[in-house]
Amino acid sequence: MKQKIAGINEPITMITGGRIMVTESEPLTYKNALVSLCELAKPGLPGESMKAYAIGMKLFEAKDSIELEEDEIKFLKKLLASSESFVAVVVGKLTDLLEPKTK
């Protein structure tokens, strides 16, 4: 089952509302953070490096939204849980983004 994730080019904000900046003029977006997560992944099982690469490329090529398979989302959540690359607010915001939206 696919899940559409919209707003991936939106900047990630702190709990207090401030933007997280990559450079003085470039905010960290959900898309850039997820691509970085895939690029910096240190998967433990054979084949997971290629899976991280493939998902990273899919994210990089996406415009303002992306459709991800359920297993891709689970894999990203697994990478997030073991990531030492991001501060807690980024991990939390990315996890929220990947959660299915209920109406």
Protein backbone atom coordinates (compact mmCIF):
# COMPACT_ATOMS: atom_id res chain seq x y z
CA MET A 1 0.00 0.00 0.00
CA LYS A 2 1.33 3.42 -0.96
CA GLN A 3 1.21 6.52 1.18
CA LYS A 4 1.40 10.00 -0.30
CA ILE A 5 3.59 12.35 1.68
CA ALA A 6 3.10 16.01 0.82
CA GLY A 7 5.06 19.11 1.75
CA ILE A 8 8.50 17.54 1.60
CA ASN A 9 10.04 20.84 0.51
CA GLU A 10 8.77 22.61 3.62
CA PRO A 11 11.41 23.71 6.14
CA ILE A 12 11.70 21.79 9.39
CA THR A 13 10.99 24.03 12.35
CA MET A 14 11.99 23.79 15.97
CA ILE A 15 9.29 23.14 18.57
CA THR A 16 9.51 26.86 19.37
CA GLY A 17 8.91 27.74 15.70
CA GLY A 18 12.40 28.73 14.55
CA ARG A 19 13.82 27.20 11.39
CA ILE A 20 16.73 24.77 11.40
CA MET A 21 19.26 26.20 8.99
CA VAL A 22 21.76 24.31 6.82
CA THR A 23 23.48 27.56 5.87
CA GLU A 24 22.71 31.18 6.72
CA SER A 25 20.18 31.34 3.90
CA GLU A 26 19.09 27.71 3.42
CA PRO A 27 16.65 26.03 5.81
CA LEU A 28 16.70 22.27 6.35
CA THR A 29 13.72 20.77 4.48
CA TYR A 30 12.04 17.44 5.12
CA LYS A 31 13.26 16.28 1.70
CA ASN A 32 16.90 17.22 2.34
CA ALA A 33 16.84 15.61 5.78
CA LEU A 34 15.39 12.34 4.43
CA VAL A 35 17.86 12.25 1.54
CA SER A 36 20.71 12.83 4.03
CA LEU A 37 19.32 10.08 6.24
CA CYS A 38 19.57 7.67 3.31
CA GLU A 39 23.01 8.91 2.24
CA LEU A 40 24.47 8.54 5.74
CA ALA A 41 22.73 5.27 6.58
CA LYS A 42 24.77 2.43 7.99
CA PRO A 43 22.38 -0.48 7.45
CA GLY A 44 23.15 -3.74 9.15
CA LEU A 45 21.81 -6.34 6.74
CA PRO A 46 22.94 -7.23 3.20
CA GLY A 47 21.02 -5.29 0.57
CA GLU A 48 20.01 -2.49 2.94
CA SER A 49 22.64 -0.11 1.61
CA MET A 50 21.17 -0.38 -1.89
CA LYS A 51 17.66 0.02 -0.46
CA ALA A 52 18.75 3.21 1.34
CA TYR A 53 20.34 4.46 -1.88
CA ALA A 54 17.23 3.67 -3.98
CA ILE A 55 14.87 5.39 -1.54
CA GLY A 56 17.26 8.35 -1.31
CA MET A 57 17.27 8.74 -5.09
CA LYS A 58 13.48 8.49 -5.19
CA LEU A 59 13.25 11.25 -2.56
CA PHE A 60 15.84 13.41 -4.33
CA GLU A 61 13.94 13.21 -7.62
CA ALA A 62 10.56 13.98 -6.00
CA LYS A 63 9.03 17.42 -6.43
CA ASP A 64 6.70 18.62 -3.64
CA SER A 65 5.26 15.24 -2.63
CA ILE A 66 6.16 11.57 -2.89
CA GLU A 67 4.39 8.24 -2.77
CA LEU A 68 6.21 5.66 -0.67
CA GLU A 69 5.43 2.00 -0.20
CA GLU A 70 4.70 0.81 3.32
CA ASP A 71 8.00 -1.11 3.47
CA GLU A 72 9.92 2.02 2.38
CA ILE A 73 8.35 4.01 5.20
CA LYS A 74 9.14 1.26 7.73
CA PHE A 75 12.73 1.24 6.47
CA LEU A 76 13.05 5.02 6.82
CA LYS A 77 11.64 4.81 10.36
CA LYS A 78 14.21 2.11 11.14
CA LEU A 79 17.00 4.35 9.83
CA LEU A 80 15.65 7.25 11.89
CA ALA A 81 15.56 5.15 15.05
CA SER A 82 19.24 4.27 14.68
CA SER A 83 20.41 7.63 13.31
CA GLU A 84 23.03 9.60 15.16
CA SER A 85 23.04 12.32 12.49
CA PHE A 86 20.09 14.40 13.66
CA VAL A 87 18.98 16.16 16.82
CA ALA A 88 15.80 14.95 18.52
CA VAL A 89 13.50 17.56 16.97
CA VAL A 90 14.51 16.52 13.43
CA VAL A 91 13.96 12.83 14.23
CA GLY A 92 10.58 13.68 15.76
CA LYS A 93 9.43 15.88 12.88
CA LEU A 94 10.53 13.31 10.26
CA THR A 95 8.75 10.54 12.17
CA ASP A 96 5.59 12.68 12.30
CA LEU A 97 5.84 13.28 8.55
CA LEU A 98 6.04 9.54 7.87
CA GLU A 99 3.05 8.66 10.06
CA PRO A 100 -0.18 8.05 8.13
CA LYS A 101 -2.54 11.00 8.33
CA THR A 102 -6.00 10.20 9.65
CA LYS A 103 -9.00 12.39 8.93
